[in-house]
C-alpha atoms as a PDB file:
ATOM      1  CA  MET A   1      81.103  66.930 106.438  1.00  0.00           C
ATOM      2  CA  LEU A   2      83.028  69.290 104.195  1.00  0.00           C
ATOM      3  CA  SER A   3      84.500  72.391 105.748  1.00  0.00           C
ATOM      4  CA  PHE A   4      83.304  75.756 104.476  1.00  0.00           C
ATOM      5  CA  MET A   5      86.468  76.293 102.422  1.00  0.00           C
ATOM      6  CA  ASP A   6      86.322  72.762 101.000  1.00  0.00           C
ATOM      7  CA  SER A   7      82.724  73.155  99.839  1.00  0.00           C
ATOM      8  CA  TYR A   8      83.473  76.670  98.546  1.00  0.00           C
ATOM      9  CA  THR A   9      86.481  75.404  96.561  1.00  0.00           C
ATOM     10  CA  LEU A  10      84.486  72.498  95.149  1.00  0.00           C
ATOM     11  CA  TRP A  11      81.703  74.863  94.050  1.00  0.00           C
ATOM     12  CA  ARG A  12      84.135  77.302  92.421  1.00  0.00           C
ATOM     13  CA  HIS A  13      85.744  74.504  90.369  1.00  0.00           C
ATOM     14  CA  LEU A  14      82.599  72.569  89.465  1.00  0.00           C
ATOM     15  CA  PRO A  15      81.189  73.358  86.025  1.00  0.00           C
ATOM     16  CA  PHE A  16      77.618  74.610  85.923  1.00  0.00           C
ATOM     17  CA  PRO A  17      75.307  71.735  84.895  1.00  0.00           C
ATOM     18  CA  SER A  18      73.575  71.587  81.536  1.00  0.00           C
ATOM     19  CA  SER A  19      69.860  72.138  81.165  1.00  0.00           C
ATOM     20  CA  GLY A  20      69.156  68.874  79.442  1.00  0.00           C
ATOM     21  CA  PRO A  21      66.148  68.221  77.239  1.00  0.00           C
ATOM     22  CA  GLY A  22      62.620  68.997  78.286  1.00  0.00           C
ATOM     23  CA  GLU A  23      60.898  72.227  79.247  1.00  0.00           C
ATOM     24  CA  GLY A  24      60.856  71.412  82.973  1.00  0.00           C
ATOM     25  CA  LEU A  25      64.616  70.984  83.127  1.00  0.00           C
ATOM     26  CA  VAL A  26      65.163  74.151  81.106  1.00  0.00           C
ATOM     27  CA  LEU A  27      63.114  76.039  83.699  1.00  0.00           C
ATOM     28  CA  THR A  28      64.919  74.477  86.666  1.00  0.00           C
ATOM     29  CA  HIS A  29      68.223  75.237  84.939  1.00  0.00           C
ATOM     30  CA  SER A  30      67.216  78.890  84.694  1.00  0.00           C
ATOM     31  CA  ASP A  31      66.210  78.971  88.360  1.00  0.00           C
ATOM     32  CA  LEU A  32      69.461  77.250  89.298  1.00  0.00           C
ATOM     33  CA  ALA A  33      71.380  79.996  87.468  1.00  0.00           C
ATOM     34  CA  GLU A  34      69.475  82.616  89.472  1.00  0.00           C
ATOM     35  CA  ALA A  35      70.278  80.846  92.750  1.00  0.00           C
ATOM     36  CA  ASP A  36      73.923  80.513  91.697  1.00  0.00           C
ATOM     37  CA  GLU A  37      74.033  84.274  91.153  1.00  0.00           C
ATOM     38  CA  TYR A  38      72.753  84.896  94.695  1.00  0.00           C
ATOM     39  CA  VAL A  39      75.341  82.502  96.104  1.00  0.00           C
ATOM     40  CA  THR A  40      78.105  84.569  94.488  1.00  0.00           C
ATOM     41  CA  THR A  41      77.804  86.853  97.534  1.00  0.00           C
ATOM     42  CA  VAL A  42      79.947  84.186  99.194  1.00  0.00           C
ATOM     43  CA  ILE A  43      82.861  85.081  96.906  1.00  0.00           C
ATOM     44  CA  ARG A  44      83.035  88.615  98.343  1.00  0.00           C
ATOM     45  CA  TYR A  45      83.109  87.130 101.816  1.00  0.00           C
ATOM     46  CA  VAL A  46      85.943  84.709 101.037  1.00  0.00           C
ATOM     47  CA  GLU A  47      88.029  87.162  99.029  1.00  0.00           C
ATOM     48  CA  ARG A  48      87.426  90.373 100.986  1.00  0.00           C
ATOM     49  CA  GLY A  49      85.756  89.422 104.271  1.00  0.00           C
ATOM     50  CA  PHE A  50      82.595  91.280 103.247  1.00  0.00           C
ATOM     51  CA  PHE A  51      79.597  89.495 104.812  1.00  0.00           C
ATOM     52  CA  LYS A  52      76.363  90.564 103.156  1.00  0.00           C
ATOM     53  CA  PRO A  53      73.737  87.844 102.628  1.00  0.00           C
ATOM     54  CA  ALA A  54      71.552  87.941  99.529  1.00  0.00           C
ATOM     55  CA  PRO A  55      68.265  89.878  99.774  1.00  0.00           C
ATOM     56  CA  VAL A  56      66.215  86.679  99.350  1.00  0.00           C
ATOM     57  CA  ASP A  57      65.966  83.412 101.289  1.00  0.00           C
ATOM     58  CA  VAL A  58      68.466  81.487  99.181  1.00  0.00           C
ATOM     59  CA  LEU A  59      68.218  78.316 101.273  1.00  0.00           C
ATOM     60  CA  ALA A  60      64.427  78.141 100.839  1.00  0.00           C
ATOM     61  CA  MET A  61      64.821  78.864  97.121  1.00  0.00           C
ATOM     62  CA  LEU A  62      67.273  75.997  96.755  1.00  0.00           C
ATOM     63  CA  GLN A  63      65.129  73.601  98.829  1.00  0.00           C
ATOM     64  CA  GLU A  64      62.118  74.288  96.618  1.00  0.00           C
ATOM     65  CA  LEU A  65      64.252  73.941  93.496  1.00  0.00           C
ATOM     66  CA  MET A  66      65.660  70.584  94.624  1.00  0.00           C
ATOM     67  CA  HIS A  67      62.099  69.316  95.223  1.00  0.00           C
ATOM     68  CA  ARG A  68      61.078  70.389  91.715  1.00  0.00           C
ATOM     69  CA  ILE A  69      64.135  68.736  90.198  1.00  0.00           C
ATOM     70  CA  ASP A  70      63.414  65.544  92.166  1.00  0.00           C
ATOM     71  CA  ARG A  71      59.848  65.448  90.805  1.00  0.00           C
ATOM     72  CA  LEU A  72      61.130  65.912  87.248  1.00  0.00           C
ATOM     73  CA  GLY A  73      63.848  63.310  87.717  1.00  0.00           C
ATOM     74  CA  GLY A  74      61.332  60.818  89.058  1.00  0.00           C
ATOM     75  CA  VAL A  75      59.493  60.690  85.740  1.00  0.00           C
ATOM     76  CA  ALA A  76      62.465  61.322  83.426  1.00  0.00           C
ATOM     77  CA  THR A  77      64.363  58.804  81.380  1.00  0.00           C
ATOM     78  CA  GLY A  78      67.863  58.687  79.921  1.00  0.00           C
ATOM     79  CA  SER A  79      69.501  62.056  79.374  1.00  0.00           C
ATOM     80  CA  GLU A  80      66.717  63.888  81.230  1.00  0.00           C
ATOM     81  CA  GLN A  81      67.410  61.819  84.334  1.00  0.00           C
ATOM     82  CA  ALA A  82      71.162  62.458  84.099  1.00  0.00           C
ATOM     83  CA  ALA A  83      70.547  66.212  83.723  1.00  0.00           C
ATOM     84  CA  ALA A  84      68.161  66.183  86.688  1.00  0.00           C
ATOM     85  CA  ARG A  85      70.732  64.395  88.869  1.00  0.00           C
ATOM     86  CA  SER A  86      73.422  66.874  87.845  1.00  0.00           C
ATOM     87  CA  GLN A  87      71.194  69.883  88.556  1.00  0.00           C
ATOM     88  CA  HIS A  88      70.140  68.435  91.912  1.00  0.00           C
ATOM     89  CA  ALA A  89      73.745  67.771  92.959  1.00  0.00           C
ATOM     90  CA  TYR A  90      74.738  71.320  92.030  1.00  0.00           C
ATOM     91  CA  ALA A  91      71.765  72.788  93.933  1.00  0.00           C
ATOM     92  CA  ALA A  92      72.654  70.673  96.978  1.00  0.00           C
ATOM     93  CA  LEU A  93      76.227  71.962  96.864  1.00  0.00           C
ATOM     94  CA  LEU A  94      74.982  75.557  96.578  1.00  0.00           C
ATOM     95  CA  HIS A  95      72.759  74.923  99.602  1.00  0.00           C
ATOM     96  CA  LEU A  96      75.712  73.610 101.609  1.00  0.00           C
ATOM     97  CA  VAL A  97      78.009  76.489 100.601  1.00  0.00           C
ATOM     98  CA  TYR A  98      75.410  79.148 101.393  1.00  0.00           C
ATOM     99  CA  ARG A  99      74.381  77.580 104.707  1.00  0.00           C
ATOM    100  CA  GLN A 100      78.018  77.398 105.773  1.00  0.00           C
ATOM    101  CA  PHE A 101      78.530  81.004 104.643  1.00  0.00           C
ATOM    102  CA  LEU A 102      75.656  82.133 106.855  1.00  0.00           C
ATOM    103  CA  GLU A 103      77.037  80.175 109.799  1.00  0.00           C
ATOM    104  CA  GLU A 104      80.611  81.368 109.206  1.00  0.00           C
ATOM    105  CA  GLY A 105      79.797  85.048 108.739  1.00  0.00           C
ATOM    106  CA  ARG A 106      77.164  85.419 111.416  1.00  0.00           C
ATOM    107  CA  PRO A 107      78.406  87.623 114.280  1.00  0.00           C
ATOM    108  CA  ARG A 108      79.339  85.661 117.389  1.00  0.00           C
ATOM    109  CA  GLU A 109      77.614  86.566 120.636  1.00  0.00           C
END
């Protein structure tokens, strides 16, 4: 499994996926951008040690988004399928980064 800093570095250097054709993928792309914005709270933690999770359940948001993308990808063909795979991979990486952020920043008892 990737360490927190490895997954963080990968996320920071990975280009944001394209929306691809089709209304469903445009909508998931928009929701992925929103989730990506919430995950940017991780940057403040890495750069300044400031641990403040997003005000929403980012992990649940990403889980639901990955399920939607999977459903779209299951019926897509060609470029739609490639876009769905790219969006899903990016959402999975966001999920990993944010989960590790929560584990890393959580106060130890």
